[in-house]
N, C-alpha and C. Protein backbone atom coordinates (compact mmCIF):
# COMPACT_ATOMS: atom_id res chain seq x y z
N MET A 1 2.23 10.54 -10.49
CA MET A 1 2.40 9.79 -8.99
C MET A 1 1.69 8.42 -9.59
N ASN A 2 2.50 7.39 -9.74
CA ASN A 2 1.33 5.92 -9.81
C ASN A 2 2.22 5.14 -9.78
N VAL A 3 2.92 5.50 -8.75
CA VAL A 3 3.58 3.93 -7.89
C VAL A 3 3.55 4.48 -6.29
N ALA A 4 3.10 3.95 -5.62
CA ALA A 4 3.34 4.14 -4.38
C ALA A 4 3.44 2.72 -3.14
N VAL A 5 3.53 3.05 -2.05
CA VAL A 5 3.47 1.86 -1.16
C VAL A 5 2.54 1.33 -0.51
N PHE A 6 1.79 0.64 -0.56
CA PHE A 6 0.19 0.66 -0.03
C PHE A 6 -0.08 -0.47 1.33
N ASP A 7 -0.36 0.45 2.41
CA ASP A 7 -0.78 -0.34 3.47
C ASP A 7 -1.40 -1.62 3.32
N THR A 8 -1.65 -2.54 3.81
CA THR A 8 -2.40 -3.52 4.13
C THR A 8 -3.60 -3.32 4.40
N ASN A 9 -4.22 -2.36 5.27
CA ASN A 9 -5.51 -1.73 5.48
C ASN A 9 -6.43 -0.37 4.31
N VAL A 10 -5.42 -0.33 3.57
CA VAL A 10 -6.10 0.00 2.00
C VAL A 10 -6.68 -0.72 1.05
N LEU A 11 -5.81 -2.22 1.48
CA LEU A 11 -6.44 -3.35 0.50
C LEU A 11 -7.73 -3.41 1.14
N VAL A 12 -7.46 -4.24 2.22
CA VAL A 12 -9.20 -5.11 3.01
C VAL A 12 -10.05 -3.66 2.86
N SER A 13 -9.65 -3.03 2.88
CA SER A 13 -10.98 -1.16 3.27
C SER A 13 -11.63 -1.61 1.19
N GLY A 14 -10.87 -1.54 0.62
CA GLY A 14 -10.97 -1.38 -0.60
C GLY A 14 -11.85 -2.59 -1.21
N ILE A 15 -11.79 -3.93 -0.50
CA ILE A 15 -12.10 -4.98 -1.09
C ILE A 15 -13.85 -5.36 -0.12
N LEU A 16 -13.45 -4.40 1.12
CA LEU A 16 -14.76 -4.60 2.00
C LEU A 16 -16.08 -3.56 1.59
N SER A 17 -15.07 -2.45 0.83
CA SER A 17 -15.99 -1.22 0.29
C SER A 17 -15.45 -0.61 -1.19
N PRO A 18 -16.30 -1.49 -1.93
CA PRO A 18 -15.55 -1.16 -3.21
C PRO A 18 -15.58 0.24 -3.81
N HIS A 19 -16.35 1.05 -3.31
CA HIS A 19 -17.37 1.94 -3.68
C HIS A 19 -16.41 3.91 -3.67
N GLY A 20 -15.90 3.37 -2.39
CA GLY A 20 -15.23 4.45 -1.76
C GLY A 20 -13.32 4.70 -2.39
N PRO A 21 -12.87 5.33 -2.19
CA PRO A 21 -11.39 5.51 -2.57
C PRO A 21 -10.62 4.35 -2.76
N PRO A 22 -10.20 3.57 -1.37
CA PRO A 22 -9.73 2.22 -1.02
C PRO A 22 -9.99 1.23 -2.47
N GLY A 23 -11.42 1.58 -2.02
CA GLY A 23 -11.93 0.41 -3.04
C GLY A 23 -11.60 0.63 -4.60
N TRP A 24 -11.56 1.63 -5.10
CA TRP A 24 -10.93 2.75 -6.24
C TRP A 24 -9.67 2.10 -6.85
N LEU A 25 -9.09 2.07 -5.37
CA LEU A 25 -7.32 1.62 -5.73
C LEU A 25 -6.80 0.53 -5.65
N VAL A 26 -8.15 -0.14 -5.37
CA VAL A 26 -7.81 -1.68 -5.57
C VAL A 26 -8.47 -1.98 -7.02
N ASP A 27 -8.99 -1.31 -7.51
CA ASP A 27 -9.26 -1.58 -9.04
C ASP A 27 -7.68 -1.11 -9.53
N ALA A 28 -7.52 0.35 -9.16
CA ALA A 28 -6.51 0.91 -10.25
C ALA A 28 -5.12 -0.23 -9.89
N LEU A 29 -5.11 -0.63 -8.71
CA LEU A 29 -3.88 -1.54 -8.35
C LEU A 29 -3.94 -2.89 -9.48
N GLN A 30 -5.02 -3.48 -9.65
CA GLN A 30 -5.45 -5.01 -10.51
C GLN A 30 -5.23 -4.57 -11.79
N GLN A 31 -5.43 -3.00 -12.53
CA GLN A 31 -5.51 -2.58 -14.13
C GLN A 31 -4.19 -2.11 -14.34
N GLY A 32 -3.12 -1.95 -13.20
CA GLY A 32 -1.90 -0.87 -13.26
C GLY A 32 -1.95 0.36 -13.89
N VAL A 33 -2.72 0.56 -13.45
CA VAL A 33 -3.02 2.52 -13.33
C VAL A 33 -2.73 3.19 -12.16
N CYS A 34 -2.46 2.34 -11.62
CA CYS A 34 -1.15 2.49 -9.76
C CYS A 34 -0.34 1.01 -9.59
N ARG A 35 0.68 1.63 -9.46
CA ARG A 35 1.76 0.59 -8.92
C ARG A 35 2.23 0.13 -7.73
N ALA A 36 1.99 -0.97 -7.27
CA ALA A 36 2.47 -0.93 -5.54
C ALA A 36 3.69 -1.32 -5.21
N VAL A 37 4.51 -0.74 -4.75
CA VAL A 37 5.75 -1.35 -4.14
C VAL A 37 5.77 -1.98 -3.68
N VAL A 38 6.81 -3.18 -3.30
CA VAL A 38 6.37 -4.05 -2.84
C VAL A 38 7.99 -4.92 -2.27
N ASP A 39 8.19 -5.37 -1.02
CA ASP A 39 9.19 -6.83 -0.89
C ASP A 39 8.49 -7.35 -0.57
N ASP A 40 9.43 -8.74 0.16
CA ASP A 40 8.69 -10.01 0.75
C ASP A 40 7.74 -9.74 2.03
N ARG A 41 8.36 -8.54 2.73
CA ARG A 41 7.87 -8.92 4.27
C ARG A 41 6.04 -8.09 3.77
N ILE A 42 6.12 -7.05 2.94
CA ILE A 42 4.57 -6.60 2.46
C ILE A 42 4.14 -7.26 1.84
N TRP A 43 4.68 -8.09 0.67
CA TRP A 43 3.85 -9.48 0.03
C TRP A 43 3.24 -10.37 1.00
N ASP A 44 4.21 -10.84 2.22
CA ASP A 44 4.19 -11.76 3.36
C ASP A 44 2.53 -11.54 3.78
N GLU A 45 2.33 -9.97 4.26
CA GLU A 45 1.29 -9.38 5.24
C GLU A 45 0.21 -9.50 4.39
N TYR A 46 0.57 -8.97 3.14
CA TYR A 46 -0.85 -8.78 2.03
C TYR A 46 -1.50 -10.16 2.11
N SER A 47 -0.38 -11.33 2.19
CA SER A 47 -0.90 -13.02 1.61
C SER A 47 -1.59 -13.49 3.00
N ASP A 48 -0.68 -12.76 4.37
CA ASP A 48 -1.30 -13.50 5.24
C ASP A 48 -2.75 -12.74 5.73
N VAL A 49 -2.65 -11.34 5.62
CA VAL A 49 -4.01 -10.64 6.34
C VAL A 49 -5.34 -11.08 5.63
N LEU A 50 -4.92 -11.09 4.08
CA LEU A 50 -6.32 -11.40 2.87
C LEU A 50 -6.90 -12.91 3.45
N ALA A 51 -5.79 -13.56 3.71
CA ALA A 51 -6.13 -15.01 3.76
C ALA A 51 -7.14 -15.10 5.08
N ARG A 52 -7.22 -14.71 6.10
CA ARG A 52 -7.62 -14.73 7.50
C ARG A 52 -9.50 -14.71 7.44
N PRO A 53 -9.71 -15.70 8.19
CA PRO A 53 -11.25 -16.18 7.80
C PRO A 53 -11.97 -15.17 8.49
N ALA A 54 -11.63 -14.21 9.53
CA ALA A 54 -12.23 -13.11 9.74
C ALA A 54 -12.69 -12.63 8.77
N PHE A 55 -12.28 -12.28 7.31
CA PHE A 55 -12.58 -11.26 6.50
C PHE A 55 -13.61 -12.37 5.73
N GLY A 56 -13.18 -13.22 5.66
CA GLY A 56 -13.93 -14.03 5.01
C GLY A 56 -14.16 -13.64 3.40
N PHE A 57 -12.66 -13.51 2.90
CA PHE A 57 -12.66 -13.18 1.29
C PHE A 57 -12.51 -14.61 0.71
N SER A 58 -12.98 -14.87 -0.71
CA SER A 58 -13.21 -16.12 -1.06
C SER A 58 -11.25 -16.39 -1.53
N SER A 59 -11.00 -17.44 -1.31
CA SER A 59 -9.36 -17.44 -1.40
C SER A 59 -9.15 -17.31 -2.96
N GLY A 60 -9.59 -18.28 -3.45
CA GLY A 60 -9.64 -17.97 -5.04
C GLY A 60 -10.21 -16.02 -5.81
N ASP A 61 -10.40 -15.47 -5.12
CA ASP A 61 -10.84 -14.13 -5.33
C ASP A 61 -9.07 -13.36 -5.12
N VAL A 62 -8.95 -13.42 -3.88
CA VAL A 62 -7.66 -12.93 -3.02
C VAL A 62 -6.93 -13.57 -4.08
N ALA A 63 -6.39 -14.99 -4.20
CA ALA A 63 -5.08 -15.45 -5.65
C ALA A 63 -5.42 -14.23 -6.51
N VAL A 64 -6.60 -14.13 -7.41
CA VAL A 64 -6.56 -13.25 -8.41
C VAL A 64 -6.59 -11.90 -8.14
N LEU A 65 -6.48 -11.33 -6.90
CA LEU A 65 -6.28 -10.08 -6.98
C LEU A 65 -4.71 -9.62 -6.75
N LEU A 66 -4.33 -10.63 -5.82
CA LEU A 66 -2.89 -10.76 -5.56
C LEU A 66 -1.98 -10.83 -6.75
N SER A 67 -2.43 -11.69 -7.86
CA SER A 67 -1.88 -12.02 -9.30
C SER A 67 -1.91 -10.81 -9.91
N ARG A 68 -3.05 -10.06 -9.98
CA ARG A 68 -3.07 -8.63 -10.80
C ARG A 68 -2.25 -7.90 -10.02
N ILE A 69 -2.29 -7.35 -8.92
CA ILE A 69 -1.44 -6.79 -8.04
C ILE A 69 -0.09 -7.23 -8.23
N ALA A 70 0.49 -8.29 -8.42
CA ALA A 70 2.28 -8.76 -8.69
C ALA A 70 2.39 -8.59 -10.05
N HIS A 71 1.68 -8.80 -11.28
CA HIS A 71 1.66 -8.57 -12.57
C HIS A 71 2.54 -6.95 -12.65
N HIS A 72 1.80 -6.04 -11.87
CA HIS A 72 2.29 -4.74 -12.43
C HIS A 72 3.55 -4.00 -11.09
N ALA A 73 3.06 -4.64 -10.08
CA ALA A 73 4.68 -4.18 -8.86
C ALA A 73 5.66 -4.33 -9.34
N VAL A 74 5.90 -3.24 -8.29
CA VAL A 74 7.79 -2.56 -8.09
C VAL A 74 8.18 -3.24 -7.04
N ARG A 75 9.52 -3.90 -7.08
CA ARG A 75 9.89 -4.89 -6.25
C ARG A 75 10.92 -3.55 -5.06
N ALA A 76 11.03 -3.34 -4.13
CA ALA A 76 11.90 -2.39 -3.55
C ALA A 76 13.10 -3.40 -2.89
N HIS A 77 14.41 -3.43 -2.47
CA HIS A 77 15.22 -3.31 -1.74
C HIS A 77 15.54 -2.07 -0.94
N VAL A 78 15.89 -2.73 0.30
CA VAL A 78 15.99 -2.70 1.00
C VAL A 78 17.23 -2.96 1.31
N ASN A 79 18.14 -1.94 2.45
CA ASN A 79 19.49 -2.45 2.85
C ASN A 79 20.02 -2.42 4.33
N PHE A 80 18.88 -3.35 4.91
CA PHE A 80 18.92 -2.55 6.14
C PHE A 80 20.11 -2.77 7.06
N GLY A 81 21.11 -3.19 6.72
CA GLY A 81 22.26 -3.03 7.45
C GLY A 81 22.65 -1.43 7.23
N GLN A 82 22.47 -0.71 6.65
CA GLN A 82 22.59 0.78 6.93
C GLN A 82 21.62 1.27 7.10
N ARG A 83 20.21 1.13 8.04
CA ARG A 83 19.19 1.62 8.00
C ARG A 83 19.39 1.60 9.70
N HIS A 84 18.51 2.64 10.48
CA HIS A 84 17.96 2.83 11.76
C HIS A 84 17.05 3.06 11.90
N ASP A 85 15.80 1.68 11.85
CA ASP A 85 14.61 1.76 12.10
C ASP A 85 13.92 2.65 13.01
N PRO A 86 12.54 3.65 13.32
CA PRO A 86 11.92 4.08 14.01
C PRO A 86 11.05 3.69 14.80
N VAL A 87 10.84 4.29 15.75
CA VAL A 87 9.77 3.62 16.76
C VAL A 87 8.45 3.82 16.09
N LEU A 88 7.72 3.11 15.67
CA LEU A 88 6.09 3.24 15.74
C LEU A 88 5.76 2.82 16.06
N PRO A 89 4.71 3.00 16.33
CA PRO A 89 3.19 2.66 17.30
C PRO A 89 2.84 1.41 17.20
N ASP A 90 2.93 0.89 15.71
CA ASP A 90 2.48 -0.16 15.50
C ASP A 90 4.14 -1.09 14.19
N PRO A 91 5.04 -1.40 14.98
CA PRO A 91 5.81 -2.55 14.35
C PRO A 91 5.60 -2.82 13.26
N ASP A 92 4.59 -3.47 12.88
CA ASP A 92 4.17 -4.09 11.54
C ASP A 92 4.62 -2.27 10.44
N ASP A 93 4.21 -1.41 11.19
CA ASP A 93 4.16 -0.58 9.32
C ASP A 93 5.48 -0.43 9.20
N LEU A 94 6.80 -0.73 10.06
CA LEU A 94 8.17 -0.39 9.70
C LEU A 94 8.67 -1.25 8.28
N PRO A 95 8.05 -2.20 7.60
CA PRO A 95 8.10 -2.30 6.28
C PRO A 95 7.77 -1.65 5.24
N PHE A 96 6.12 -1.13 5.48
CA PHE A 96 5.89 0.35 4.25
C PHE A 96 6.57 0.90 4.46
N LEU A 97 6.89 1.79 5.55
CA LEU A 97 7.77 2.91 5.60
C LEU A 97 9.03 2.48 5.10
N ALA A 98 9.66 1.50 5.21
CA ALA A 98 11.38 1.12 4.69
C ALA A 98 11.26 1.31 3.27
N CYS A 99 10.24 0.70 3.15
CA CYS A 99 10.10 0.67 1.53
C CYS A 99 9.92 1.66 0.90
N ALA A 100 8.67 2.99 1.66
CA ALA A 100 8.61 4.19 0.61
C ALA A 100 9.82 4.61 0.85
N ALA A 101 10.60 4.89 2.18
CA ALA A 101 11.96 5.68 1.97
C ALA A 101 12.71 4.68 0.76
N ALA A 102 12.56 4.04 0.46
CA ALA A 102 14.53 3.74 -0.30
C ALA A 102 13.75 4.03 -1.30
N MET A 103 12.42 4.18 -1.92
CA MET A 103 11.89 3.84 -3.27
C MET A 103 11.49 5.27 -3.64
N ASP A 104 11.81 6.70 -2.12
CA ASP A 104 11.55 7.31 -2.99
C ASP A 104 9.72 7.52 -3.20
N VAL A 105 8.66 7.01 -2.64
CA VAL A 105 7.29 6.92 -3.13
C VAL A 105 6.41 7.26 -1.92
N PRO A 106 5.24 7.64 -2.00
CA PRO A 106 4.58 8.02 -1.32
C PRO A 106 3.80 6.53 0.05
N LEU A 107 3.64 6.58 0.87
CA LEU A 107 3.19 5.60 1.59
C LEU A 107 1.18 6.04 1.77
N VAL A 108 0.66 5.20 1.27
CA VAL A 108 -0.71 5.48 1.37
C VAL A 108 -1.31 4.94 2.46
N THR A 109 -2.02 4.79 3.39
CA THR A 109 -2.49 4.12 4.55
C THR A 109 -3.78 5.12 5.05
N GLY A 110 -4.49 4.17 5.61
CA GLY A 110 -5.53 4.76 6.10
C GLY A 110 -5.65 4.87 7.53
N ASN A 111 -4.15 4.72 8.15
CA ASN A 111 -3.68 4.83 9.59
C ASN A 111 -2.92 5.86 9.48
N VAL A 112 -2.81 7.18 9.19
CA VAL A 112 -1.65 8.05 8.73
C VAL A 112 -0.99 8.19 10.50
N ARG A 113 -1.95 8.03 11.53
CA ARG A 113 -1.88 8.68 13.00
C ARG A 113 -0.20 7.31 13.61
N HIS A 114 -0.80 6.33 12.75
CA HIS A 114 0.86 5.24 13.15
C HIS A 114 1.60 5.80 12.94
N LEU A 115 1.58 6.80 11.66
CA LEU A 115 3.17 7.16 11.87
C LEU A 115 3.12 8.35 11.61
N PRO A 116 3.69 8.86 12.79
CA PRO A 116 4.08 10.12 13.34
C PRO A 116 5.10 10.57 12.62
N ARG A 117 5.17 12.55 12.59
CA ARG A 117 5.56 13.11 11.47
C ARG A 117 7.22 12.55 12.30
N GLU A 118 7.60 13.05 12.90
CA GLU A 118 8.67 12.42 13.83
C GLU A 118 9.55 11.27 13.53
N ALA A 119 8.52 10.35 13.07
CA ALA A 119 9.31 9.00 12.79
C ALA A 119 9.27 8.67 11.02
N ILE A 120 9.18 9.19 10.36
CA ILE A 120 8.89 8.67 9.18
C ILE A 120 10.01 10.26 8.04
N GLY A 121 10.59 10.81 8.74
CA GLY A 121 11.60 11.52 7.68
C GLY A 121 10.90 12.00 6.67
N LYS A 122 11.35 11.71 5.14
CA LYS A 122 11.10 12.62 4.69
C LYS A 122 9.62 11.61 3.46
N VAL A 123 9.39 10.80 4.01
CA VAL A 123 8.51 9.93 3.50
C VAL A 123 6.90 10.78 3.04
N GLU A 124 6.00 10.96 2.48
CA GLU A 124 5.37 11.39 2.22
C GLU A 124 4.53 10.33 2.71
N VAL A 125 3.34 10.55 3.62
CA VAL A 125 2.18 9.57 4.14
C VAL A 125 0.88 10.48 3.75
N MET A 126 0.06 9.63 3.03
CA MET A 126 -1.52 10.20 2.67
C MET A 126 -2.76 9.33 2.97
N THR A 127 -3.57 9.53 2.73
CA THR A 127 -4.96 8.59 2.63
C THR A 127 -5.42 8.41 1.68
N PRO A 128 -6.15 6.96 1.13
CA PRO A 128 -6.32 6.94 -0.03
C PRO A 128 -6.71 7.71 -0.84
N ALA A 129 -7.71 9.06 0.03
CA ALA A 129 -8.52 9.62 -0.97
C ALA A 129 -7.35 10.74 -0.86
N VAL A 130 -6.68 10.96 -0.95
CA VAL A 130 -5.80 12.15 -1.01
C VAL A 130 -4.59 11.61 -2.29
N TYR A 131 -4.44 10.62 -2.07
CA TYR A 131 -3.48 9.88 -3.25
C TYR A 131 -4.66 9.34 -4.64
N VAL A 132 -6.14 9.25 -4.29
CA VAL A 132 -6.83 9.35 -5.37
C VAL A 132 -7.16 10.72 -6.27
N ARG A 133 -7.12 11.50 -5.21
CA ARG A 133 -7.19 12.88 -6.01
C ARG A 133 -5.98 13.64 -6.48
N ARG A 134 -4.83 12.71 -6.31
CA ARG A 134 -3.36 13.45 -7.19
C ARG A 134 -3.60 12.34 -8.10
N LEU A 135 -4.20 11.04 -8.53
CA LEU A 135 -3.94 9.92 -9.20
C LEU A 135 -4.72 10.63 -10.31
N GLN A 136 -5.83 10.92 -10.01
CA GLN A 136 -7.01 11.73 -11.24
C GLN A 136 -6.43 13.09 -11.40
N SER A 137 -5.89 13.62 -10.74
CA SER A 137 -5.21 15.13 -11.30
C SER A 137 -3.98 14.73 -12.32
N SER A 138 -3.37 13.86 -11.94
CA SER A 138 -2.17 13.90 -13.24
C SER A 138 -2.84 12.90 -13.83
N ARG A 139 -4.16 12.45 -14.28
CA ARG A 139 -4.61 11.81 -15.73
C ARG A 139 -5.57 12.31 -16.29
N GLY A 140 -5.73 13.40 -15.87
CA GLY A 140 -7.21 14.41 -16.49
C GLY A 140 -8.19 13.82 -15.94
N GLY A 141 -8.38 14.04 -14.69
CA GLY A 141 -9.69 14.07 -13.77
C GLY A 141 -9.50 12.20 -13.90
N ARG A 142 -9.39 11.14 -14.78
CA ARG A 142 -9.92 10.38 -14.93
C ARG A 142 -8.80 9.25 -13.86
N TYR A 143 -9.10 8.20 -13.09
CA TYR A 143 -8.32 7.96 -12.21
C TYR A 143 -7.43 6.57 -12.77
């Protein structure tokens, strides 16, 4: 299991706190140890959020991070004409859930509570810590 949809909050947390599970995932995404599933909406959110002045991230560092993630990313194709969007507490989570469902991969987020069981269908939603543990076990103890 090295492919998943990563909520933007995982990237932000990983940059802000590089020594915990989100930080390890940011490193793993850059190295291609795991691969992010993205579509244009997710990519636009990554770019927009990471560029916000409130975070103080260097535009050069953000460009390098996004370039490295893009190099290993898997593009999702979601057919919206045949989908019914669930009601979520945060509608901005819909693209992440839709891509995870379309590609049959987990959704990794720090906001599990924003994805109620009745709304996610068969999508497996997990925290960064749970994903890191699974990644480590599938790689013989190394992430």
